[in-house]
Amino acid sequence: MTKIVIDPTLGPVLARTGDERAVLNSFLDFHRDIVARKLRGLSDAAARRRLVPSATTLAGLVKHLTLVERNWFPRLLAPRPDDVYETTEEAAAASFALDDADTVQSLLADYEQACALSRDLAARFDLDHVVPHEQLGEVSLRWILTHLIEETARHAGHADILRELTDGSTGVR
């Protein structure tokens, strides 16, 4: 029998026999890492460059996903009195807009900080934990994790295309 060699950088492969939480977390972290890797190593100018008709840029994708992390984890699982859950199409579109102060380094630091907080908060609750949601009524942590996998994976695909158009880099690594 041929021994199968598993690439340890592919978290979902390592969690293939894990429990539900391990599988959900590994897929979400895998896609988070892909998004961050697509931005790493680029100049600020390259990360801001518009390569498609929309305002979508590599830097903008990471800024948007930072808002997504903050919206779905701290604002729902541990809201503060001054938190505002961003629900409008305008807010989503605006989350791609870059400020002069946004750099590759600052965007990655903000994203990684938001993801770390999301991980910490999610670990405090059972997957069946339910929270109120302004538009959906209620959502479970399981649903939030699954939604974030979908959202992050979709944007990881966008980032892959934009990075290929930027410098020819493709693939997971």
N, C-alpha and C. Protein backbone atom coordinates (compact mmCIF):
# COMPACT_ATOMS: atom_id res chain seq x y z
N MET A 1 0.84 -1.17 0.00
CA MET A 1 0.00 0.00 0.00
C MET A 1 0.89 1.24 0.00
N THR A 2 0.54 2.19 -0.83
CA THR A 2 1.28 3.44 -0.93
C THR A 2 0.88 4.36 0.20
N LYS A 3 1.88 4.92 0.85
CA LYS A 3 1.60 5.85 1.94
C LYS A 3 1.21 7.21 1.34
N ILE A 4 0.13 7.76 1.85
CA ILE A 4 -0.33 9.07 1.40
C ILE A 4 0.40 10.13 2.19
N VAL A 5 0.96 11.10 1.49
CA VAL A 5 1.64 12.21 2.13
C VAL A 5 0.69 13.40 2.13
N ILE A 6 0.46 13.95 3.31
CA ILE A 6 -0.48 15.05 3.46
C ILE A 6 0.30 16.33 3.74
N ASP A 7 -0.01 17.34 2.95
CA ASP A 7 0.62 18.64 3.13
C ASP A 7 0.09 19.27 4.42
N PRO A 8 0.95 19.47 5.42
CA PRO A 8 0.48 20.01 6.70
C PRO A 8 0.03 21.47 6.65
N THR A 9 0.27 22.15 5.54
CA THR A 9 -0.21 23.54 5.43
C THR A 9 -1.68 23.60 5.05
N LEU A 10 -2.24 22.48 4.70
CA LEU A 10 -3.65 22.44 4.30
C LEU A 10 -4.49 22.00 5.50
N GLY A 11 -4.84 22.95 6.36
CA GLY A 11 -5.57 22.67 7.59
C GLY A 11 -6.79 21.79 7.45
N PRO A 12 -7.64 22.03 6.45
CA PRO A 12 -8.82 21.18 6.32
C PRO A 12 -8.48 19.71 6.10
N VAL A 13 -7.37 19.44 5.46
CA VAL A 13 -6.96 18.05 5.25
C VAL A 13 -6.60 17.42 6.60
N LEU A 14 -5.91 18.17 7.43
CA LEU A 14 -5.53 17.65 8.74
C LEU A 14 -6.73 17.42 9.64
N ALA A 15 -7.79 18.20 9.46
CA ALA A 15 -8.99 18.07 10.30
C ALA A 15 -10.02 17.12 9.71
N ARG A 16 -9.63 16.34 8.72
CA ARG A 16 -10.59 15.52 7.97
C ARG A 16 -11.33 14.50 8.82
N THR A 17 -10.81 14.15 9.98
CA THR A 17 -11.51 13.22 10.87
C THR A 17 -11.86 13.89 12.19
N GLY A 18 -11.76 15.22 12.23
CA GLY A 18 -12.05 15.95 13.46
C GLY A 18 -13.54 16.11 13.69
N ASP A 19 -13.86 16.66 14.85
CA ASP A 19 -15.27 16.91 15.13
C ASP A 19 -15.74 18.12 14.32
N GLU A 20 -17.01 18.41 14.43
CA GLU A 20 -17.60 19.47 13.61
C GLU A 20 -16.90 20.81 13.81
N ARG A 21 -16.62 21.18 15.05
CA ARG A 21 -15.98 22.46 15.32
C ARG A 21 -14.59 22.51 14.70
N ALA A 22 -13.83 21.44 14.82
CA ALA A 22 -12.48 21.40 14.25
C ALA A 22 -12.54 21.57 12.73
N VAL A 23 -13.50 20.93 12.11
CA VAL A 23 -13.63 21.03 10.65
C VAL A 23 -14.03 22.45 10.25
N LEU A 24 -15.03 23.01 10.90
CA LEU A 24 -15.45 24.38 10.58
C LEU A 24 -14.32 25.38 10.79
N ASN A 25 -13.66 25.29 11.94
CA ASN A 25 -12.56 26.22 12.23
C ASN A 25 -11.42 26.07 11.24
N SER A 26 -11.10 24.83 10.87
CA SER A 26 -9.97 24.64 9.96
C SER A 26 -10.27 25.18 8.56
N PHE A 27 -11.49 25.00 8.09
CA PHE A 27 -11.84 25.56 6.77
C PHE A 27 -11.83 27.08 6.81
N LEU A 28 -12.38 27.67 7.88
CA LEU A 28 -12.40 29.13 7.97
C LEU A 28 -10.98 29.68 8.06
N ASP A 29 -10.15 29.10 8.91
CA ASP A 29 -8.77 29.58 9.03
C ASP A 29 -7.98 29.38 7.74
N PHE A 30 -8.25 28.30 7.04
CA PHE A 30 -7.59 28.04 5.76
C PHE A 30 -7.88 29.17 4.77
N HIS A 31 -9.13 29.55 4.65
CA HIS A 31 -9.50 30.61 3.71
C HIS A 31 -9.04 31.99 4.20
N ARG A 32 -9.06 32.21 5.51
CA ARG A 32 -8.51 33.46 6.05
C ARG A 32 -7.04 33.59 5.65
N ASP A 33 -6.30 32.50 5.80
CA ASP A 33 -4.88 32.52 5.49
C ASP A 33 -4.63 32.77 4.00
N ILE A 34 -5.45 32.18 3.14
CA ILE A 34 -5.30 32.41 1.70
C ILE A 34 -5.47 33.89 1.40
N VAL A 35 -6.50 34.51 1.96
CA VAL A 35 -6.74 35.93 1.72
C VAL A 35 -5.53 36.76 2.15
N ALA A 36 -5.02 36.49 3.33
CA ALA A 36 -3.86 37.25 3.83
C ALA A 36 -2.64 37.01 2.95
N ARG A 37 -2.43 35.77 2.52
CA ARG A 37 -1.26 35.48 1.68
C ARG A 37 -1.34 36.17 0.33
N LYS A 38 -2.53 36.38 -0.18
CA LYS A 38 -2.68 37.06 -1.47
C LYS A 38 -2.26 38.52 -1.38
N LEU A 39 -2.35 39.11 -0.20
CA LEU A 39 -1.97 40.50 -0.03
C LEU A 39 -0.48 40.64 0.35
N ARG A 40 0.03 39.66 1.09
CA ARG A 40 1.43 39.74 1.55
C ARG A 40 2.41 39.84 0.38
N GLY A 41 3.43 40.64 0.59
CA GLY A 41 4.49 40.76 -0.40
C GLY A 41 4.22 41.77 -1.49
N LEU A 42 3.05 42.37 -1.49
CA LEU A 42 2.74 43.38 -2.49
C LEU A 42 3.08 44.77 -1.96
N SER A 43 3.39 45.66 -2.87
CA SER A 43 3.54 47.07 -2.49
C SER A 43 2.15 47.63 -2.22
N ASP A 44 2.10 48.73 -1.51
CA ASP A 44 0.81 49.38 -1.27
C ASP A 44 0.13 49.74 -2.58
N ALA A 45 0.90 50.22 -3.53
CA ALA A 45 0.33 50.61 -4.83
C ALA A 45 -0.26 49.40 -5.54
N ALA A 46 0.45 48.29 -5.54
CA ALA A 46 -0.04 47.08 -6.22
C ALA A 46 -1.31 46.56 -5.54
N ALA A 47 -1.36 46.64 -4.22
CA ALA A 47 -2.52 46.15 -3.48
C ALA A 47 -3.75 47.01 -3.71
N ARG A 48 -3.55 48.29 -4.02
CA ARG A 48 -4.64 49.23 -4.26
C ARG A 48 -5.09 49.27 -5.72
N ARG A 49 -4.33 48.67 -6.58
CA ARG A 49 -4.57 48.78 -8.02
C ARG A 49 -5.89 48.14 -8.43
N ARG A 50 -6.68 48.87 -9.18
CA ARG A 50 -7.95 48.36 -9.69
C ARG A 50 -7.69 47.61 -10.99
N LEU A 51 -8.05 46.34 -10.99
CA LEU A 51 -7.80 45.49 -12.16
C LEU A 51 -9.09 44.99 -12.80
N VAL A 52 -10.21 45.32 -12.19
CA VAL A 52 -11.52 44.92 -12.70
C VAL A 52 -12.41 46.16 -12.71
N PRO A 53 -13.52 46.15 -13.45
CA PRO A 53 -14.37 47.34 -13.54
C PRO A 53 -14.92 47.83 -12.20
N SER A 54 -15.15 46.92 -11.26
CA SER A 54 -15.66 47.35 -9.94
C SER A 54 -14.52 47.96 -9.13
N ALA A 55 -14.85 48.44 -7.95
CA ALA A 55 -13.85 49.04 -7.05
C ALA A 55 -13.08 47.99 -6.26
N THR A 56 -13.24 46.72 -6.60
CA THR A 56 -12.59 45.64 -5.86
C THR A 56 -11.09 45.64 -6.11
N THR A 57 -10.33 45.68 -5.00
CA THR A 57 -8.87 45.58 -5.05
C THR A 57 -8.45 44.56 -4.00
N LEU A 58 -7.22 44.11 -4.07
CA LEU A 58 -6.73 43.18 -3.05
C LEU A 58 -6.79 43.82 -1.67
N ALA A 59 -6.34 45.06 -1.56
CA ALA A 59 -6.38 45.75 -0.27
C ALA A 59 -7.83 45.92 0.19
N GLY A 60 -8.72 46.28 -0.73
CA GLY A 60 -10.12 46.46 -0.39
C GLY A 60 -10.79 45.18 0.08
N LEU A 61 -10.43 44.05 -0.52
CA LEU A 61 -10.98 42.77 -0.09
C LEU A 61 -10.63 42.49 1.37
N VAL A 62 -9.38 42.73 1.73
CA VAL A 62 -8.96 42.48 3.11
C VAL A 62 -9.65 43.45 4.07
N LYS A 63 -9.80 44.69 3.67
CA LYS A 63 -10.51 45.66 4.51
C LYS A 63 -11.96 45.23 4.69
N HIS A 64 -12.60 44.80 3.62
CA HIS A 64 -13.98 44.32 3.69
C HIS A 64 -14.10 43.12 4.62
N LEU A 65 -13.21 42.15 4.47
CA LEU A 65 -13.29 40.95 5.31
C LEU A 65 -13.01 41.25 6.78
N THR A 66 -12.26 42.30 7.05
CA THR A 66 -12.07 42.73 8.43
C THR A 66 -13.40 43.18 9.02
N LEU A 67 -14.15 43.97 8.26
CA LEU A 67 -15.48 44.38 8.71
C LEU A 67 -16.39 43.17 8.89
N VAL A 68 -16.32 42.24 7.97
CA VAL A 68 -17.15 41.03 8.05
C VAL A 68 -16.86 40.29 9.35
N GLU A 69 -15.59 40.09 9.67
CA GLU A 69 -15.21 39.42 10.92
C GLU A 69 -15.79 40.16 12.12
N ARG A 70 -15.64 41.48 12.13
CA ARG A 70 -16.12 42.28 13.27
C ARG A 70 -17.65 42.27 13.36
N ASN A 71 -18.30 42.26 12.22
CA ASN A 71 -19.76 42.23 12.20
C ASN A 71 -20.30 40.93 12.76
N TRP A 72 -19.75 39.82 12.34
CA TRP A 72 -20.35 38.53 12.67
C TRP A 72 -19.90 37.94 14.00
N PHE A 73 -18.77 38.33 14.51
CA PHE A 73 -18.33 37.75 15.79
C PHE A 73 -18.51 38.71 16.95
N PRO A 74 -17.68 39.76 17.11
CA PRO A 74 -17.86 40.60 18.29
C PRO A 74 -19.22 41.30 18.36
N ARG A 75 -19.71 41.81 17.24
CA ARG A 75 -20.97 42.57 17.28
C ARG A 75 -22.18 41.69 17.55
N LEU A 76 -22.06 40.38 17.28
CA LEU A 76 -23.17 39.48 17.58
C LEU A 76 -22.95 38.66 18.85
N LEU A 77 -21.73 38.17 19.05
CA LEU A 77 -21.48 37.29 20.19
C LEU A 77 -21.13 38.03 21.47
N ALA A 78 -20.56 39.22 21.36
CA ALA A 78 -20.17 39.99 22.55
C ALA A 78 -20.34 41.48 22.26
N PRO A 79 -21.56 41.89 21.95
CA PRO A 79 -21.76 43.29 21.55
C PRO A 79 -21.52 44.26 22.71
N ARG A 80 -20.96 45.40 22.35
CA ARG A 80 -20.82 46.51 23.28
C ARG A 80 -21.98 47.46 23.02
N PRO A 81 -22.31 48.30 23.99
CA PRO A 81 -23.47 49.21 23.80
C PRO A 81 -23.36 50.10 22.58
N ASP A 82 -22.13 50.48 22.19
CA ASP A 82 -21.97 51.40 21.05
C ASP A 82 -21.78 50.69 19.72
N ASP A 83 -21.84 49.36 19.70
CA ASP A 83 -21.66 48.62 18.45
C ASP A 83 -22.82 48.85 17.50
N VAL A 84 -22.49 49.01 16.24
CA VAL A 84 -23.49 49.13 15.19
C VAL A 84 -23.23 48.01 14.20
N TYR A 85 -24.22 47.15 14.01
CA TYR A 85 -24.10 46.06 13.06
C TYR A 85 -24.36 46.63 11.67
N GLU A 86 -23.41 46.50 10.77
CA GLU A 86 -23.51 47.05 9.42
C GLU A 86 -24.32 46.10 8.54
N THR A 87 -25.51 46.52 8.14
CA THR A 87 -26.40 45.62 7.39
C THR A 87 -26.75 46.10 5.99
N THR A 88 -26.44 47.33 5.66
CA THR A 88 -26.90 47.86 4.38
C THR A 88 -25.92 47.52 3.25
N GLU A 89 -26.44 47.54 2.05
CA GLU A 89 -25.60 47.36 0.87
C GLU A 89 -24.56 48.47 0.78
N GLU A 90 -24.97 49.67 1.17
CA GLU A 90 -24.04 50.81 1.14
C GLU A 90 -22.87 50.59 2.08
N ALA A 91 -23.15 50.05 3.27
CA ALA A 91 -22.08 49.79 4.24
C ALA A 91 -21.14 48.71 3.71
N ALA A 92 -21.70 47.69 3.09
CA ALA A 92 -20.87 46.63 2.51
C ALA A 92 -19.98 47.19 1.41
N ALA A 93 -20.55 48.00 0.53
CA ALA A 93 -19.77 48.59 -0.56
C ALA A 93 -18.70 49.52 0.00
N ALA A 94 -19.06 50.30 1.01
CA ALA A 94 -18.10 51.25 1.60
C ALA A 94 -16.95 50.53 2.29
N SER A 95 -17.18 49.30 2.72
CA SER A 95 -16.12 48.58 3.45
C SER A 95 -14.94 48.23 2.55
N PHE A 96 -15.09 48.34 1.25
CA PHE A 96 -14.00 48.10 0.31
C PHE A 96 -13.16 49.36 0.08
N ALA A 97 -13.69 50.53 0.49
CA ALA A 97 -13.02 51.80 0.25
C ALA A 97 -11.79 51.95 1.14
N LEU A 98 -10.72 52.42 0.53
CA LEU A 98 -9.46 52.56 1.25
C LEU A 98 -9.21 54.00 1.65
N ASP A 99 -8.64 54.17 2.83
CA ASP A 99 -8.21 55.48 3.31
C ASP A 99 -6.74 55.66 2.96
N ASP A 100 -6.26 56.89 3.02
CA ASP A 100 -4.85 57.15 2.76
C ASP A 100 -3.94 56.39 3.72
N ALA A 101 -4.42 56.18 4.94
CA ALA A 101 -3.61 55.50 5.96
C ALA A 101 -3.57 53.98 5.79
N ASP A 102 -4.41 53.42 4.92
CA ASP A 102 -4.45 51.97 4.73
C ASP A 102 -3.23 51.50 3.94
N THR A 103 -2.43 50.68 4.58
CA THR A 103 -1.26 50.08 3.94
C THR A 103 -1.41 48.57 3.98
N VAL A 104 -0.62 47.88 3.20
CA VAL A 104 -0.63 46.41 3.25
C VAL A 104 -0.41 45.96 4.68
N GLN A 105 0.58 46.55 5.32
CA GLN A 105 0.92 46.16 6.69
C GLN A 105 -0.23 46.44 7.66
N SER A 106 -0.83 47.62 7.59
CA SER A 106 -1.92 47.96 8.53
C SER A 106 -3.17 47.13 8.26
N LEU A 107 -3.47 46.89 7.00
CA LEU A 107 -4.65 46.09 6.66
C LEU A 107 -4.48 44.65 7.14
N LEU A 108 -3.30 44.08 6.93
CA LEU A 108 -3.06 42.71 7.40
C LEU A 108 -3.11 42.64 8.92
N ALA A 109 -2.54 43.62 9.60
CA ALA A 109 -2.56 43.63 11.06
C ALA A 109 -4.00 43.72 11.57
N ASP A 110 -4.81 44.60 10.98
CA ASP A 110 -6.21 44.73 11.39
C ASP A 110 -6.98 43.43 11.13
N TYR A 111 -6.75 42.83 9.96
CA TYR A 111 -7.45 41.59 9.62
C TYR A 111 -7.06 40.47 10.57
N GLU A 112 -5.77 40.31 10.81
CA GLU A 112 -5.31 39.25 11.70
C GLU A 112 -5.82 39.46 13.12
N GLN A 113 -5.88 40.71 13.57
CA GLN A 113 -6.42 41.01 14.89
C GLN A 113 -7.92 40.67 14.95
N ALA A 114 -8.65 41.04 13.92
CA ALA A 114 -10.09 40.74 13.88
C ALA A 114 -10.33 39.23 13.86
N CYS A 115 -9.53 38.49 13.10
CA CYS A 115 -9.68 37.04 13.04
C CYS A 115 -9.34 36.39 14.38
N ALA A 116 -8.30 36.89 15.05
CA ALA A 116 -7.94 36.35 16.37
C ALA A 116 -9.07 36.57 17.37
N LEU A 117 -9.66 37.76 17.36
CA LEU A 117 -10.78 38.03 18.26
C LEU A 117 -11.97 37.13 17.91
N SER A 118 -12.23 36.95 16.63
CA SER A 118 -13.33 36.06 16.22
C SER A 118 -13.10 34.65 16.72
N ARG A 119 -11.88 34.14 16.57
CA ARG A 119 -11.56 32.79 17.07
C ARG A 119 -11.80 32.69 18.57
N ASP A 120 -11.32 33.70 19.30
CA ASP A 120 -11.46 33.70 20.75
C ASP A 120 -12.93 33.72 21.16
N LEU A 121 -13.71 34.57 20.55
CA LEU A 121 -15.13 34.65 20.89
C LEU A 121 -15.87 33.37 20.52
N ALA A 122 -15.62 32.85 19.35
CA ALA A 122 -16.31 31.62 18.91
C ALA A 122 -15.99 30.46 19.85
N ALA A 123 -14.78 30.40 20.36
CA ALA A 123 -14.38 29.31 21.25
C ALA A 123 -15.14 29.33 22.57
N ARG A 124 -15.73 30.45 22.93
CA ARG A 124 -16.44 30.58 24.21
C ARG A 124 -17.85 29.98 24.18
N PHE A 125 -18.35 29.69 22.99
CA PHE A 125 -19.74 29.27 22.86
C PHE A 125 -19.86 27.91 22.16
N ASP A 126 -20.94 27.19 22.49
CA ASP A 126 -21.27 25.97 21.76
C ASP A 126 -21.73 26.33 20.37
N LEU A 127 -21.60 25.39 19.44
CA LEU A 127 -22.06 25.63 18.07
C LEU A 127 -23.55 25.92 18.01
N ASP A 128 -24.31 25.41 18.97
CA ASP A 128 -25.76 25.62 19.01
C ASP A 128 -26.15 26.95 19.65
N HIS A 129 -25.18 27.70 20.14
CA HIS A 129 -25.47 29.00 20.77
C HIS A 129 -26.14 29.90 19.74
N VAL A 130 -27.26 30.52 20.12
CA VAL A 130 -28.05 31.35 19.22
C VAL A 130 -28.03 32.79 19.72
N VAL A 131 -27.89 33.72 18.76
CA VAL A 131 -27.91 35.14 19.08
C VAL A 131 -28.93 35.83 18.17
N PRO A 132 -29.46 36.96 18.64
CA PRO A 132 -30.39 37.70 17.78
C PRO A 132 -29.64 38.34 16.61
N HIS A 133 -30.33 38.40 15.48
CA HIS A 133 -29.78 39.05 14.30
C HIS A 133 -30.85 39.97 13.73
N GLU A 134 -30.46 41.20 13.45
CA GLU A 134 -31.40 42.24 13.02
C GLU A 134 -32.23 41.84 11.81
N GLN A 135 -31.64 41.18 10.84
CA GLN A 135 -32.36 40.84 9.61
C GLN A 135 -32.88 39.40 9.59
N LEU A 136 -32.16 38.48 10.24
CA LEU A 136 -32.49 37.07 10.14
C LEU A 136 -33.28 36.53 11.33
N GLY A 137 -33.47 37.34 12.34
CA GLY A 137 -34.15 36.88 13.55
C GLY A 137 -33.17 36.32 14.55
N GLU A 138 -32.70 35.12 14.29
CA GLU A 138 -31.69 34.48 15.13
C GLU A 138 -30.73 33.71 14.24
N VAL A 139 -29.49 33.58 14.72
CA VAL A 139 -28.50 32.74 14.04
C VAL A 139 -27.70 31.99 15.09
N SER A 140 -27.28 30.79 14.74
CA SER A 140 -26.44 30.00 15.64
C SER A 140 -24.98 30.26 15.31
N LEU A 141 -24.11 29.94 16.25
CA LEU A 141 -22.68 30.04 15.98
C LEU A 141 -22.31 29.13 14.81
N ARG A 142 -22.91 27.97 14.71
CA ARG A 142 -22.66 27.06 13.58
C ARG A 142 -22.96 27.77 12.26
N TRP A 143 -24.09 28.47 12.21
CA TRP A 143 -24.48 29.20 11.00
C TRP A 143 -23.48 30.31 10.71
N ILE A 144 -23.07 31.05 11.75
CA ILE A 144 -22.11 32.14 11.57
C ILE A 144 -20.81 31.59 10.98
N LEU A 145 -20.30 30.51 11.55
CA LEU A 145 -19.06 29.92 11.04
C LEU A 145 -19.20 29.48 9.58
N THR A 146 -20.32 28.84 9.28
CA THR A 146 -20.54 28.39 7.90
C THR A 146 -20.66 29.58 6.96
N HIS A 147 -21.36 30.61 7.37
CA HIS A 147 -21.48 31.81 6.55
C HIS A 147 -20.11 32.45 6.32
N LEU A 148 -19.29 32.52 7.36
CA LEU A 148 -17.96 33.13 7.22
C LEU A 148 -17.06 32.29 6.33
N ILE A 149 -17.21 30.98 6.36
CA ILE A 149 -16.45 30.13 5.43
C ILE A 149 -16.83 30.50 4.00
N GLU A 150 -18.13 30.58 3.74
CA GLU A 150 -18.62 30.92 2.39
C GLU A 150 -18.12 32.30 1.96
N GLU A 151 -18.29 33.29 2.83
CA GLU A 151 -17.91 34.66 2.49
C GLU A 151 -16.41 34.78 2.25
N THR A 152 -15.62 34.19 3.15
CA THR A 152 -14.16 34.30 3.04
C THR A 152 -13.65 33.51 1.83
N ALA A 153 -14.21 32.33 1.59
CA ALA A 153 -13.78 31.53 0.44
C ALA A 153 -14.11 32.24 -0.88
N ARG A 154 -15.28 32.85 -0.95
CA ARG A 154 -15.66 33.57 -2.16
C ARG A 154 -14.67 34.70 -2.43
N HIS A 155 -14.33 35.45 -1.40
CA HIS A 155 -13.39 36.55 -1.58
C HIS A 155 -11.96 36.07 -1.75
N ALA A 156 -11.63 34.90 -1.22
CA ALA A 156 -10.30 34.32 -1.48
C ALA A 156 -10.16 34.01 -2.97
N GLY A 157 -11.24 33.57 -3.60
CA GLY A 157 -11.22 33.34 -5.05
C GLY A 157 -11.02 34.64 -5.81
N HIS A 158 -11.71 35.69 -5.37
CA HIS A 158 -11.50 37.00 -6.00
C HIS A 158 -10.04 37.43 -5.84
N ALA A 159 -9.51 37.25 -4.63
CA ALA A 159 -8.13 37.65 -4.35
C ALA A 159 -7.14 36.86 -5.20
N ASP A 160 -7.43 35.60 -5.42
CA ASP A 160 -6.56 34.76 -6.25
C ASP A 160 -6.49 35.31 -7.68
N ILE A 161 -7.63 35.68 -8.21
CA ILE A 161 -7.67 36.24 -9.57
C ILE A 161 -6.94 37.58 -9.61
N LEU A 162 -7.20 38.44 -8.63
CA LEU A 162 -6.54 39.75 -8.61
C LEU A 162 -5.03 39.62 -8.45
N ARG A 163 -4.59 38.67 -7.63
CA ARG A 163 -3.14 38.49 -7.46
C ARG A 163 -2.52 37.96 -8.75
N GLU A 164 -3.22 37.06 -9.43
CA GLU A 164 -2.71 36.57 -10.71
C GLU A 164 -2.59 37.72 -11.71
N LEU A 165 -3.58 38.58 -11.75
CA LEU A 165 -3.53 39.74 -12.65
C LEU A 165 -2.43 40.73 -12.25
N THR A 166 -2.09 40.76 -10.97
CA THR A 166 -1.08 41.69 -10.46
C THR A 166 0.33 41.24 -10.82
N ASP A 167 0.65 39.97 -10.50
CA ASP A 167 2.05 39.53 -10.70
C ASP A 167 2.19 38.10 -11.20
N GLY A 168 1.07 37.47 -11.56
CA GLY A 168 1.13 36.11 -12.09
C GLY A 168 1.09 35.02 -11.03
N SER A 169 1.11 35.38 -9.74
CA SER A 169 1.08 34.38 -8.67
C SER A 169 -0.29 33.71 -8.63
N THR A 170 -0.27 32.39 -8.49
CA THR A 170 -1.52 31.64 -8.38
C THR A 170 -1.36 30.57 -7.31
N GLY A 171 -2.49 29.99 -6.95
CA GLY A 171 -2.47 28.84 -6.04
C GLY A 171 -2.66 29.20 -4.59
N VAL A 172 -2.81 28.14 -3.79
CA VAL A 172 -3.07 28.27 -2.37
C VAL A 172 -1.88 28.88 -1.64
N ARG A 173 -0.69 28.46 -2.00
CA ARG A 173 0.50 28.94 -1.30
C ARG A 173 1.06 30.12 -2.02
